[in-house]
Amino acid sequence: MPKRTSPSPPAAEIDVDFHAAVARRLRAVRQRYSTGRRVIAVVLAAADRPLTAPEVVDLDSGLSVSSVYRNLAVLEQAGVVRRLVTQEENARYELAEVFTHHHHHLVCERCGIIMDYEPPAALERALQRALDAIPQGTFQPRSHHIQILGLCPGCSRAATR
């Protein structure tokens, strides 16, 4: 993937409320909304799937891998990003659901790619009923996240050859 000199889409195209909300979350953990954190937030907002730190760097050549890892840790602590761990070497990151929408993930067991998945509403309702049926006092669910494991189209084709 060729390197770009600025994130896509340009920071000016991202909603001002988004940046204000990220800044508030960072202030709550006594951190600044630095230029590097802003670039990372914009890159993740523009992504159509969770990204590894090296992929974030590939999308903006002004970032270094070490600073991306440090800033992702701070953004995760502030509740701006969610870290997804799979069988691959690098964790992947996406914006927290407060900045996007509720979704689940399809995880390729071979290449490690993670794709967003929005299940049918009936499945979400059934899952919510199951969570509501947990006896009070035993556990208090706040949210849920499903990872469905399998093979992506590319790995599936390669496996049948």
N, C-alpha and C. Protein backbone atom coordinates (compact mmCIF):
# COMPACT_ATOMS: atom_id res chain seq x y z
N MET A 1 0.86 -1.18 0.00
CA MET A 1 0.00 0.00 0.00
C MET A 1 0.90 1.24 0.00
N PRO A 2 0.70 2.18 -0.93
CA PRO A 2 1.55 3.37 -0.97
C PRO A 2 1.28 4.27 0.22
N LYS A 3 2.32 4.95 0.67
CA LYS A 3 2.17 5.88 1.78
C LYS A 3 1.60 7.19 1.28
N ARG A 4 0.77 7.78 2.13
CA ARG A 4 0.22 9.10 1.84
C ARG A 4 0.82 10.09 2.81
N THR A 5 0.82 11.34 2.44
CA THR A 5 1.39 12.35 3.33
C THR A 5 0.35 12.93 4.27
N SER A 6 -0.92 12.66 4.06
CA SER A 6 -1.95 13.11 4.98
C SER A 6 -3.02 12.04 5.08
N PRO A 7 -3.74 11.99 6.22
CA PRO A 7 -4.76 10.96 6.37
C PRO A 7 -5.90 11.17 5.40
N SER A 8 -6.65 10.11 5.17
CA SER A 8 -7.81 10.18 4.30
C SER A 8 -9.02 9.76 5.11
N PRO A 9 -10.10 10.51 5.18
CA PRO A 9 -10.27 11.81 4.57
C PRO A 9 -9.53 12.89 5.33
N PRO A 10 -9.37 14.06 4.72
CA PRO A 10 -8.69 15.15 5.43
C PRO A 10 -9.38 15.47 6.75
N ALA A 11 -8.58 15.86 7.73
CA ALA A 11 -9.12 16.15 9.07
C ALA A 11 -10.26 17.15 9.02
N ALA A 12 -10.23 18.06 8.07
CA ALA A 12 -11.28 19.08 7.97
C ALA A 12 -12.63 18.47 7.64
N GLU A 13 -12.65 17.28 7.03
CA GLU A 13 -13.91 16.64 6.65
C GLU A 13 -14.55 15.87 7.80
N ILE A 14 -13.80 15.61 8.87
CA ILE A 14 -14.34 14.90 10.02
C ILE A 14 -15.13 15.89 10.86
N ASP A 15 -16.26 15.46 11.38
CA ASP A 15 -17.16 16.29 12.17
C ASP A 15 -16.44 16.93 13.35
N VAL A 16 -16.67 18.22 13.56
CA VAL A 16 -16.07 18.96 14.67
C VAL A 16 -16.50 18.34 16.00
N ASP A 17 -17.74 17.88 16.10
CA ASP A 17 -18.22 17.25 17.33
C ASP A 17 -17.40 16.00 17.66
N PHE A 18 -16.98 15.27 16.64
CA PHE A 18 -16.15 14.09 16.84
C PHE A 18 -14.86 14.48 17.56
N HIS A 19 -14.18 15.50 17.04
CA HIS A 19 -12.92 15.94 17.66
C HIS A 19 -13.15 16.47 19.08
N ALA A 20 -14.24 17.17 19.30
CA ALA A 20 -14.54 17.68 20.64
C ALA A 20 -14.77 16.52 21.61
N ALA A 21 -15.48 15.48 21.16
CA ALA A 21 -15.75 14.33 22.02
C ALA A 21 -14.46 13.57 22.34
N VAL A 22 -13.58 13.41 21.34
CA VAL A 22 -12.30 12.75 21.58
C VAL A 22 -11.49 13.57 22.58
N ALA A 23 -11.44 14.88 22.39
CA ALA A 23 -10.68 15.75 23.29
C ALA A 23 -11.21 15.65 24.72
N ARG A 24 -12.53 15.61 24.90
CA ARG A 24 -13.13 15.48 26.24
C ARG A 24 -12.70 14.17 26.91
N ARG A 25 -12.74 13.08 26.14
CA ARG A 25 -12.36 11.78 26.70
C ARG A 25 -10.88 11.78 27.10
N LEU A 26 -10.05 12.41 26.30
CA LEU A 26 -8.63 12.48 26.63
C LEU A 26 -8.39 13.35 27.86
N ARG A 27 -9.09 14.47 27.95
CA ARG A 27 -8.95 15.34 29.13
C ARG A 27 -9.36 14.58 30.40
N ALA A 28 -10.35 13.70 30.28
CA ALA A 28 -10.82 12.95 31.45
C ALA A 28 -9.74 12.03 32.02
N VAL A 29 -8.77 11.67 31.18
CA VAL A 29 -7.64 10.85 31.67
C VAL A 29 -6.35 11.68 31.69
N ARG A 30 -6.54 13.00 31.71
CA ARG A 30 -5.42 13.96 31.82
C ARG A 30 -4.42 13.85 30.68
N GLN A 31 -4.96 13.74 29.47
CA GLN A 31 -4.13 13.68 28.28
C GLN A 31 -4.58 14.76 27.29
N ARG A 32 -3.65 15.17 26.43
CA ARG A 32 -3.97 16.17 25.41
C ARG A 32 -4.39 15.49 24.11
N TYR A 33 -5.15 16.22 23.33
CA TYR A 33 -5.52 15.77 21.98
C TYR A 33 -4.45 16.30 21.05
N SER A 34 -3.32 15.64 21.04
CA SER A 34 -2.16 16.07 20.26
C SER A 34 -2.38 15.86 18.77
N THR A 35 -1.50 16.42 17.97
CA THR A 35 -1.59 16.27 16.52
C THR A 35 -1.53 14.79 16.13
N GLY A 36 -0.61 14.04 16.72
CA GLY A 36 -0.50 12.62 16.40
C GLY A 36 -1.76 11.86 16.74
N ARG A 37 -2.36 12.14 17.88
CA ARG A 37 -3.61 11.46 18.28
C ARG A 37 -4.74 11.85 17.35
N ARG A 38 -4.75 13.10 16.93
CA ARG A 38 -5.77 13.57 16.00
C ARG A 38 -5.65 12.82 14.67
N VAL A 39 -4.43 12.68 14.17
CA VAL A 39 -4.21 11.98 12.90
C VAL A 39 -4.66 10.53 13.02
N ILE A 40 -4.30 9.88 14.12
CA ILE A 40 -4.71 8.48 14.32
C ILE A 40 -6.23 8.37 14.37
N ALA A 41 -6.89 9.27 15.07
CA ALA A 41 -8.35 9.24 15.15
C ALA A 41 -8.97 9.40 13.77
N VAL A 42 -8.42 10.30 12.96
CA VAL A 42 -8.95 10.53 11.61
C VAL A 42 -8.72 9.29 10.74
N VAL A 43 -7.54 8.70 10.83
CA VAL A 43 -7.25 7.50 10.04
C VAL A 43 -8.22 6.38 10.41
N LEU A 44 -8.44 6.17 11.72
CA LEU A 44 -9.36 5.11 12.14
C LEU A 44 -10.80 5.44 11.75
N ALA A 45 -11.17 6.71 11.79
CA ALA A 45 -12.53 7.09 11.38
C ALA A 45 -12.77 6.82 9.90
N ALA A 46 -11.72 6.94 9.10
CA ALA A 46 -11.85 6.73 7.66
C ALA A 46 -11.75 5.26 7.26
N ALA A 47 -11.26 4.42 8.16
CA ALA A 47 -11.03 3.01 7.84
C ALA A 47 -12.33 2.24 7.77
N ASP A 48 -12.37 1.26 6.90
CA ASP A 48 -13.56 0.42 6.78
C ASP A 48 -13.44 -0.88 7.56
N ARG A 49 -12.35 -1.00 8.33
CA ARG A 49 -12.12 -2.18 9.15
C ARG A 49 -11.09 -1.84 10.22
N PRO A 50 -10.96 -2.64 11.26
CA PRO A 50 -9.93 -2.39 12.26
C PRO A 50 -8.53 -2.49 11.63
N LEU A 51 -7.62 -1.64 12.10
CA LEU A 51 -6.27 -1.56 11.53
C LEU A 51 -5.21 -1.91 12.56
N THR A 52 -4.08 -2.44 12.07
CA THR A 52 -2.91 -2.62 12.93
C THR A 52 -2.17 -1.29 13.00
N ALA A 53 -1.29 -1.14 13.98
CA ALA A 53 -0.48 0.08 14.07
C ALA A 53 0.35 0.30 12.80
N PRO A 54 0.99 -0.75 12.24
CA PRO A 54 1.73 -0.53 10.98
C PRO A 54 0.82 -0.07 9.84
N GLU A 55 -0.42 -0.55 9.80
CA GLU A 55 -1.35 -0.09 8.76
C GLU A 55 -1.70 1.39 8.95
N VAL A 56 -1.82 1.82 10.20
CA VAL A 56 -2.08 3.24 10.47
C VAL A 56 -0.92 4.07 9.93
N VAL A 57 0.31 3.62 10.18
CA VAL A 57 1.50 4.32 9.69
C VAL A 57 1.52 4.34 8.17
N ASP A 58 1.14 3.23 7.54
CA ASP A 58 1.09 3.18 6.07
C ASP A 58 0.13 4.23 5.50
N LEU A 59 -0.89 4.57 6.26
CA LEU A 59 -1.89 5.53 5.78
C LEU A 59 -1.51 6.98 6.05
N ASP A 60 -0.50 7.21 6.87
CA ASP A 60 -0.02 8.56 7.09
C ASP A 60 1.48 8.52 7.37
N SER A 61 2.26 8.95 6.41
CA SER A 61 3.72 8.83 6.52
C SER A 61 4.32 9.76 7.57
N GLY A 62 3.53 10.66 8.14
CA GLY A 62 4.04 11.55 9.18
C GLY A 62 4.10 10.89 10.55
N LEU A 63 3.64 9.66 10.65
CA LEU A 63 3.61 8.94 11.92
C LEU A 63 4.73 7.90 11.99
N SER A 64 5.22 7.65 13.19
CA SER A 64 6.17 6.55 13.38
C SER A 64 5.45 5.43 14.12
N VAL A 65 5.89 4.21 13.90
CA VAL A 65 5.23 3.07 14.54
C VAL A 65 5.27 3.19 16.06
N SER A 66 6.40 3.61 16.62
CA SER A 66 6.50 3.70 18.08
C SER A 66 5.52 4.73 18.64
N SER A 67 5.38 5.88 17.98
CA SER A 67 4.44 6.89 18.49
C SER A 67 3.00 6.43 18.30
N VAL A 68 2.73 5.70 17.22
CA VAL A 68 1.37 5.18 17.01
C VAL A 68 1.01 4.22 18.14
N TYR A 69 1.91 3.30 18.49
CA TYR A 69 1.62 2.37 19.59
C TYR A 69 1.39 3.12 20.90
N ARG A 70 2.24 4.11 21.20
CA ARG A 70 2.07 4.87 22.44
C ARG A 70 0.73 5.61 22.44
N ASN A 71 0.41 6.26 21.33
CA ASN A 71 -0.83 7.03 21.26
C ASN A 71 -2.06 6.13 21.24
N LEU A 72 -1.98 4.97 20.61
CA LEU A 72 -3.11 4.05 20.64
C LEU A 72 -3.39 3.59 22.07
N ALA A 73 -2.35 3.37 22.85
CA ALA A 73 -2.54 2.97 24.25
C ALA A 73 -3.28 4.06 25.03
N VAL A 74 -2.91 5.32 24.80
CA VAL A 74 -3.57 6.43 25.48
C VAL A 74 -5.01 6.55 25.00
N LEU A 75 -5.23 6.44 23.69
CA LEU A 75 -6.58 6.53 23.14
C LEU A 75 -7.46 5.38 23.65
N GLU A 76 -6.86 4.21 23.83
CA GLU A 76 -7.62 3.08 24.38
C GLU A 76 -7.98 3.36 25.85
N GLN A 77 -7.04 3.86 26.61
CA GLN A 77 -7.28 4.19 28.02
C GLN A 77 -8.41 5.21 28.15
N ALA A 78 -8.49 6.13 27.20
CA ALA A 78 -9.52 7.17 27.23
C ALA A 78 -10.87 6.69 26.68
N GLY A 79 -10.92 5.48 26.17
CA GLY A 79 -12.18 4.96 25.62
C GLY A 79 -12.48 5.48 24.23
N VAL A 80 -11.46 5.92 23.51
CA VAL A 80 -11.64 6.42 22.14
C VAL A 80 -11.50 5.29 21.15
N VAL A 81 -10.59 4.36 21.42
CA VAL A 81 -10.41 3.22 20.53
C VAL A 81 -10.59 1.93 21.29
N ARG A 82 -10.86 0.88 20.55
CA ARG A 82 -10.97 -0.46 21.10
C ARG A 82 -9.89 -1.32 20.44
N ARG A 83 -9.18 -2.07 21.25
CA ARG A 83 -8.13 -2.96 20.75
C ARG A 83 -8.72 -4.35 20.60
N LEU A 84 -8.51 -4.93 19.43
CA LEU A 84 -8.98 -6.28 19.14
C LEU A 84 -7.77 -7.19 19.00
N VAL A 85 -7.75 -8.25 19.75
CA VAL A 85 -6.63 -9.17 19.72
C VAL A 85 -7.08 -10.45 19.03
N THR A 86 -6.29 -10.88 18.06
CA THR A 86 -6.59 -12.12 17.34
C THR A 86 -5.35 -13.00 17.41
N GLN A 87 -5.32 -14.01 16.57
CA GLN A 87 -4.19 -14.93 16.55
C GLN A 87 -2.97 -14.35 15.84
N GLU A 88 -3.16 -13.25 15.11
CA GLU A 88 -2.02 -12.69 14.40
C GLU A 88 -1.11 -11.92 15.36
N GLU A 89 0.04 -11.54 14.86
CA GLU A 89 1.07 -10.90 15.69
C GLU A 89 0.62 -9.53 16.22
N ASN A 90 0.00 -8.71 15.40
CA ASN A 90 -0.38 -7.35 15.79
C ASN A 90 -1.85 -7.26 16.17
N ALA A 91 -2.11 -6.52 17.25
CA ALA A 91 -3.50 -6.21 17.60
C ALA A 91 -4.04 -5.25 16.54
N ARG A 92 -5.33 -5.19 16.43
CA ARG A 92 -5.98 -4.24 15.52
C ARG A 92 -6.79 -3.27 16.35
N TYR A 93 -6.98 -2.08 15.80
CA TYR A 93 -7.65 -1.01 16.53
C TYR A 93 -8.77 -0.42 15.68
N GLU A 94 -9.82 -0.01 16.35
CA GLU A 94 -10.92 0.69 15.71
C GLU A 94 -11.45 1.72 16.70
N LEU A 95 -12.22 2.67 16.19
CA LEU A 95 -12.86 3.61 17.09
C LEU A 95 -13.84 2.87 17.98
N ALA A 96 -13.97 3.32 19.22
CA ALA A 96 -14.95 2.74 20.14
C ALA A 96 -16.35 2.97 19.59
N GLU A 97 -17.27 2.12 19.98
CA GLU A 97 -18.64 2.20 19.45
C GLU A 97 -19.33 3.52 19.74
N VAL A 98 -18.91 4.24 20.77
CA VAL A 98 -19.54 5.54 21.03
C VAL A 98 -19.31 6.50 19.86
N PHE A 99 -18.30 6.22 19.04
CA PHE A 99 -18.00 7.07 17.88
C PHE A 99 -18.46 6.45 16.57
N THR A 100 -18.93 5.23 16.61
CA THR A 100 -19.36 4.56 15.38
C THR A 100 -20.76 4.03 15.58
N HIS A 101 -20.92 2.73 15.53
CA HIS A 101 -22.19 2.07 15.76
C HIS A 101 -21.91 0.67 16.29
N HIS A 102 -22.91 0.05 16.88
CA HIS A 102 -22.76 -1.29 17.42
C HIS A 102 -22.57 -2.29 16.28
N HIS A 103 -21.54 -3.10 16.39
CA HIS A 103 -21.28 -4.12 15.38
C HIS A 103 -20.43 -5.23 15.97
N HIS A 104 -20.28 -6.29 15.23
CA HIS A 104 -19.47 -7.43 15.63
C HIS A 104 -18.39 -7.62 14.57
N HIS A 105 -17.62 -8.70 14.69
CA HIS A 105 -16.49 -8.89 13.76
C HIS A 105 -16.41 -10.30 13.21
N LEU A 106 -15.99 -10.37 11.95
CA LEU A 106 -15.63 -11.62 11.30
C LEU A 106 -14.11 -11.64 11.29
N VAL A 107 -13.51 -12.68 11.85
CA VAL A 107 -12.06 -12.75 12.01
C VAL A 107 -11.53 -13.93 11.19
N CYS A 108 -10.62 -13.64 10.26
CA CYS A 108 -10.01 -14.70 9.46
C CYS A 108 -8.93 -15.38 10.30
N GLU A 109 -9.07 -16.67 10.47
CA GLU A 109 -8.10 -17.44 11.27
C GLU A 109 -6.77 -17.63 10.55
N ARG A 110 -6.74 -17.41 9.26
CA ARG A 110 -5.50 -17.62 8.52
C ARG A 110 -4.69 -16.33 8.40
N CYS A 111 -5.29 -15.26 7.87
CA CYS A 111 -4.53 -14.02 7.63
C CYS A 111 -4.72 -12.98 8.73
N GLY A 112 -5.73 -13.16 9.59
CA GLY A 112 -5.93 -12.26 10.71
C GLY A 112 -6.76 -11.02 10.42
N ILE A 113 -7.18 -10.85 9.19
CA ILE A 113 -7.99 -9.66 8.88
C ILE A 113 -9.29 -9.71 9.67
N ILE A 114 -9.76 -8.55 10.06
CA ILE A 114 -11.01 -8.43 10.81
C ILE A 114 -11.95 -7.54 10.01
N MET A 115 -13.16 -8.03 9.80
CA MET A 115 -14.17 -7.25 9.06
C MET A 115 -15.35 -6.99 9.98
N ASP A 116 -15.93 -5.80 9.87
CA ASP A 116 -17.12 -5.47 10.63
C ASP A 116 -18.28 -6.32 10.15
N TYR A 117 -19.17 -6.68 11.07
CA TYR A 117 -20.34 -7.50 10.75
C TYR A 117 -21.53 -6.98 11.54
N GLU A 118 -22.59 -6.69 10.84
CA GLU A 118 -23.84 -6.27 11.49
C GLU A 118 -24.85 -7.39 11.31
N PRO A 119 -25.11 -8.15 12.37
CA PRO A 119 -26.03 -9.28 12.26
C PRO A 119 -27.47 -8.81 12.10
N PRO A 120 -28.33 -9.71 11.69
CA PRO A 120 -29.76 -9.36 11.59
C PRO A 120 -30.30 -8.88 12.94
N ALA A 121 -31.26 -7.99 12.89
CA ALA A 121 -31.85 -7.43 14.11
C ALA A 121 -32.41 -8.53 15.01
N ALA A 122 -32.94 -9.60 14.42
CA ALA A 122 -33.50 -10.69 15.23
C ALA A 122 -32.42 -11.34 16.10
N LEU A 123 -31.20 -11.47 15.59
CA LEU A 123 -30.11 -12.04 16.37
C LEU A 123 -29.74 -11.11 17.53
N GLU A 124 -29.67 -9.82 17.26
CA GLU A 124 -29.37 -8.86 18.34
C GLU A 124 -30.44 -8.90 19.42
N ARG A 125 -31.72 -8.98 19.00
CA ARG A 125 -32.80 -9.05 19.98
C ARG A 125 -32.70 -10.33 20.82
N ALA A 126 -32.40 -11.46 20.17
CA ALA A 126 -32.27 -12.73 20.89
C ALA A 126 -31.10 -12.67 21.87
N LEU A 127 -30.01 -12.07 21.46
CA LEU A 127 -28.86 -11.93 22.34
C LEU A 127 -29.21 -11.04 23.53
N GLN A 128 -29.93 -9.96 23.28
CA GLN A 128 -30.33 -9.07 24.37
C GLN A 128 -31.24 -9.79 25.35
N ARG A 129 -32.16 -10.61 24.84
CA ARG A 129 -33.04 -11.39 25.73
C ARG A 129 -32.19 -12.34 26.59
N ALA A 130 -31.19 -12.97 25.98
CA ALA A 130 -30.31 -13.88 26.73
C ALA A 130 -29.55 -13.12 27.81
N LEU A 131 -29.08 -11.93 27.50
CA LEU A 131 -28.37 -11.13 28.50
C LEU A 131 -29.32 -10.68 29.61
N ASP A 132 -30.53 -10.31 29.24
CA ASP A 132 -31.53 -9.89 30.23
C ASP A 132 -31.91 -11.05 31.16
N ALA A 133 -31.76 -12.30 30.70
CA ALA A 133 -32.12 -13.47 31.49
C ALA A 133 -31.06 -13.85 32.52
N ILE A 134 -29.90 -13.21 32.48
CA ILE A 134 -28.87 -13.50 33.48
C ILE A 134 -29.40 -13.05 34.84
N PRO A 135 -29.40 -13.97 35.81
CA PRO A 135 -29.97 -13.63 37.13
C PRO A 135 -29.28 -12.41 37.75
N GLN A 136 -30.10 -11.49 38.27
CA GLN A 136 -29.55 -10.31 38.92
C GLN A 136 -28.67 -10.73 40.10
N GLY A 137 -27.59 -10.01 40.26
CA GLY A 137 -26.67 -10.30 41.35
C GLY A 137 -25.55 -11.24 40.95
N THR A 138 -25.74 -12.00 39.85
CA THR A 138 -24.67 -12.90 39.42
C THR A 138 -23.70 -12.19 38.48
N PHE A 139 -24.23 -11.30 37.65
CA PHE A 139 -23.41 -10.57 36.68
C PHE A 139 -24.27 -9.47 36.10
N GLN A 140 -23.66 -8.34 35.84
CA GLN A 140 -24.39 -7.22 35.26
C GLN A 140 -23.78 -6.87 33.91
N PRO A 141 -24.31 -7.41 32.82
CA PRO A 141 -23.75 -7.11 31.50
C PRO A 141 -23.95 -5.64 31.13
N ARG A 142 -22.92 -5.06 30.52
CA ARG A 142 -23.01 -3.67 30.05
C ARG A 142 -23.03 -3.59 28.54
N SER A 143 -22.38 -4.51 27.89
CA SER A 143 -22.36 -4.54 26.42
C SER A 143 -21.93 -5.93 25.99
N HIS A 144 -21.89 -6.13 24.69
CA HIS A 144 -21.44 -7.41 24.16
C HIS A 144 -20.73 -7.20 22.84
N HIS A 145 -19.92 -8.18 22.50
CA HIS A 145 -19.16 -8.14 21.26
C HIS A 145 -18.91 -9.57 20.83
N ILE A 146 -19.26 -9.88 19.61
CA ILE A 146 -19.09 -11.23 19.09
C ILE A 146 -18.00 -11.23 18.04
N GLN A 147 -17.09 -12.21 18.11
CA GLN A 147 -16.10 -12.44 17.06
C GLN A 147 -16.42 -13.79 16.44
N ILE A 148 -16.70 -13.78 15.15
CA ILE A 148 -16.99 -15.01 14.42
C ILE A 148 -15.73 -15.39 13.67
N LEU A 149 -15.22 -16.58 13.96
CA LEU A 149 -13.96 -17.04 13.38
C LEU A 149 -14.22 -17.88 12.13
N GLY A 150 -13.35 -17.73 11.14
CA GLY A 150 -13.47 -18.49 9.91
C GLY A 150 -12.41 -18.05 8.92
N LEU A 151 -12.70 -18.18 7.64
CA LEU A 151 -11.76 -17.79 6.59
C LEU A 151 -12.36 -16.68 5.74
N CYS A 152 -11.56 -15.66 5.45
CA CYS A 152 -12.00 -14.58 4.56
C CYS A 152 -12.07 -15.13 3.14
N PRO A 153 -12.68 -14.41 2.20
CA PRO A 153 -12.79 -14.92 0.84
C PRO A 153 -11.46 -15.31 0.21
N GLY A 154 -10.43 -14.49 0.39
CA GLY A 154 -9.12 -14.79 -0.20
C GLY A 154 -8.52 -16.08 0.37
N CYS A 155 -8.56 -16.22 1.67
CA CYS A 155 -8.00 -17.43 2.30
C CYS A 155 -8.85 -18.66 2.00
N SER A 156 -10.16 -18.45 1.87
CA SER A 156 -11.04 -19.56 1.54
C SER A 156 -10.74 -20.09 0.14
N ARG A 157 -10.52 -19.16 -0.81
CA ARG A 157 -10.17 -19.58 -2.18
C ARG A 157 -8.83 -20.31 -2.19
N ALA A 158 -7.86 -19.79 -1.42
CA ALA A 158 -6.54 -20.40 -1.38
C ALA A 158 -6.59 -21.80 -0.77
N ALA A 159 -7.50 -22.01 0.18
CA ALA A 159 -7.62 -23.30 0.85
C ALA A 159 -8.22 -24.36 -0.07
N THR A 160 -8.99 -23.95 -1.07
CA THR A 160 -9.64 -24.92 -1.96
C THR A 160 -8.78 -25.25 -3.17
N ARG A 161 -7.65 -24.59 -3.31
CA ARG A 161 -6.78 -24.87 -4.48
C ARG A 161 -5.96 -26.10 -4.25
